[in-house]
Amino acid sequence: MFVRVRDKDTGHQFDVAETDPRIGGPFELLNRKTYPPSPVIRPAKHRLRPAGAASTHTTESAEAGMTDKEA
């Protein structure tokens, strides 16, 4: 059976096998009443940042304290 989880880093929701060892680690188990265990994998729900949202990625120049113009 497959259960619905949310990736804590990305916020994406998808199904994994209920025996997946990542549940409770990087994956958060979602409400079983809303998403009961399923014999088939359900479509993923991707979480997208709104247009114009600041990036969470760091670059080497940002880590070095440089601005975009200096890089």
C-alpha atoms as a PDB file:
ATOM      1  CA  MET A   1       0.000   0.000   0.000  1.00  0.00           C
ATOM      2  CA  PHE A   2       1.055   3.596  -0.604  1.00  0.00           C
ATOM      3  CA  VAL A   3       0.710   6.505   1.834  1.00  0.00           C
ATOM      4  CA  ARG A   4       0.791  10.259   1.186  1.00  0.00           C
ATOM      5  CA  VAL A   5       3.811  12.201   2.450  1.00  0.00           C
ATOM      6  CA  ARG A   6       5.152  15.755   2.222  1.00  0.00           C
ATOM      7  CA  ASP A   7       8.829  16.432   1.582  1.00  0.00           C
ATOM      8  CA  LYS A   8       9.939  18.775   4.388  1.00  0.00           C
ATOM      9  CA  ASP A   9      12.483  20.545   2.146  1.00  0.00           C
ATOM     10  CA  THR A  10      10.418  21.166  -0.988  1.00  0.00           C
ATOM     11  CA  GLY A  11       6.823  20.905   0.250  1.00  0.00           C
ATOM     12  CA  HIS A  12       5.970  18.488  -2.575  1.00  0.00           C
ATOM     13  CA  GLN A  13       3.332  15.869  -1.728  1.00  0.00           C
ATOM     14  CA  PHE A  14       3.492  12.365  -3.188  1.00  0.00           C
ATOM     15  CA  ASP A  15       2.939   8.703  -2.394  1.00  0.00           C
ATOM     16  CA  VAL A  16       5.572   6.290  -1.104  1.00  0.00           C
ATOM     17  CA  ALA A  17       5.373   2.706   0.113  1.00  0.00           C
ATOM     18  CA  GLU A  18       4.133   2.623   3.700  1.00  0.00           C
ATOM     19  CA  THR A  19       7.358   0.814   4.678  1.00  0.00           C
ATOM     20  CA  ASP A  20       9.599   3.587   3.276  1.00  0.00           C
ATOM     21  CA  PRO A  21      12.329   4.318   5.862  1.00  0.00           C
ATOM     22  CA  ARG A  22      12.328   8.061   5.031  1.00  0.00           C
ATOM     23  CA  ILE A  23       8.881   8.543   6.631  1.00  0.00           C
ATOM     24  CA  GLY A  24       9.446  10.509   9.833  1.00  0.00           C
ATOM     25  CA  GLY A  25      12.802  11.771   8.547  1.00  0.00           C
ATOM     26  CA  PRO A  26      12.753  13.955   5.438  1.00  0.00           C
ATOM     27  CA  PHE A  27       9.139  12.919   4.706  1.00  0.00           C
ATOM     28  CA  GLU A  28       6.181  13.903   6.890  1.00  0.00           C
ATOM     29  CA  LEU A  29       3.225  11.491   6.861  1.00  0.00           C
ATOM     30  CA  LEU A  30       0.003  13.333   5.961  1.00  0.00           C
ATOM     31  CA  ASN A  31      -3.452  12.888   7.508  1.00  0.00           C
ATOM     32  CA  ARG A  32      -4.670   9.318   6.925  1.00  0.00           C
ATOM     33  CA  LYS A  33      -8.338  10.417   6.915  1.00  0.00           C
ATOM     34  CA  THR A  34      -7.696  12.846   4.062  1.00  0.00           C
ATOM     35  CA  TYR A  35      -5.270  10.521   2.246  1.00  0.00           C
ATOM     36  CA  PRO A  36      -6.056   6.903   3.193  1.00  0.00           C
ATOM     37  CA  PRO A  37      -3.541   4.211   2.154  1.00  0.00           C
ATOM     38  CA  SER A  38      -3.955   3.365  -1.528  1.00  0.00           C
ATOM     39  CA  PRO A  39      -3.045   0.297  -3.603  1.00  0.00           C
ATOM     40  CA  VAL A  40      -2.013   2.596  -6.504  1.00  0.00           C
ATOM     41  CA  ILE A  41       0.258   5.639  -6.563  1.00  0.00           C
ATOM     42  CA  ARG A  42      -1.684   8.924  -6.744  1.00  0.00           C
ATOM     43  CA  PRO A  43      -0.436  11.908  -8.787  1.00  0.00           C
ATOM     44  CA  ALA A  44       2.106  14.134  -7.051  1.00  0.00           C
ATOM     45  CA  LYS A  45       1.223  17.666  -5.913  1.00  0.00           C
ATOM     46  CA  HIS A  46       4.187  19.949  -6.514  1.00  0.00           C
ATOM     47  CA  ARG A  47       4.618  23.072  -4.432  1.00  0.00           C
ATOM     48  CA  LEU A  48       5.802  25.989  -6.540  1.00  0.00           C
ATOM     49  CA  ARG A  49       7.095  29.325  -5.311  1.00  0.00           C
ATOM     50  CA  PRO A  50       5.060  32.304  -6.558  1.00  0.00           C
ATOM     51  CA  ALA A  51       6.580  34.260  -9.431  1.00  0.00           C
ATOM     52  CA  GLY A  52       9.014  36.861  -8.143  1.00  0.00           C
ATOM     53  CA  ALA A  53       9.630  35.056  -4.854  1.00  0.00           C
ATOM     54  CA  ALA A  54      13.171  35.206  -3.556  1.00  0.00           C
ATOM     55  CA  SER A  55      15.262  32.148  -4.252  1.00  0.00           C
ATOM     56  CA  THR A  56      16.319  30.012  -1.309  1.00  0.00           C
ATOM     57  CA  HIS A  57      19.416  28.808  -3.135  1.00  0.00           C
ATOM     58  CA  THR A  58      22.786  30.274  -2.236  1.00  0.00           C
ATOM     59  CA  THR A  59      25.493  30.802  -4.797  1.00  0.00           C
ATOM     60  CA  GLU A  60      29.229  30.849  -4.345  1.00  0.00           C
ATOM     61  CA  SER A  61      29.300  34.632  -4.878  1.00  0.00           C
ATOM     62  CA  ALA A  62      26.551  35.146  -2.281  1.00  0.00           C
ATOM     63  CA  GLU A  63      28.449  32.987   0.186  1.00  0.00           C
ATOM     64  CA  ALA A  64      31.558  35.091  -0.430  1.00  0.00           C
ATOM     65  CA  GLY A  65      29.603  38.295   0.287  1.00  0.00           C
ATOM     66  CA  MET A  66      29.750  39.559  -3.293  1.00  0.00           C
ATOM     67  CA  THR A  67      26.907  41.370  -5.013  1.00  0.00           C
ATOM     68  CA  ASP A  68      25.615  40.342  -8.440  1.00  0.00           C
ATOM     69  CA  LYS A  69      27.526  43.217 -10.075  1.00  0.00           C
ATOM     70  CA  GLU A  70      30.803  42.126  -8.490  1.00  0.00           C
ATOM     71  CA  ALA A  71      30.409  38.463  -9.463  1.00  0.00           C
END
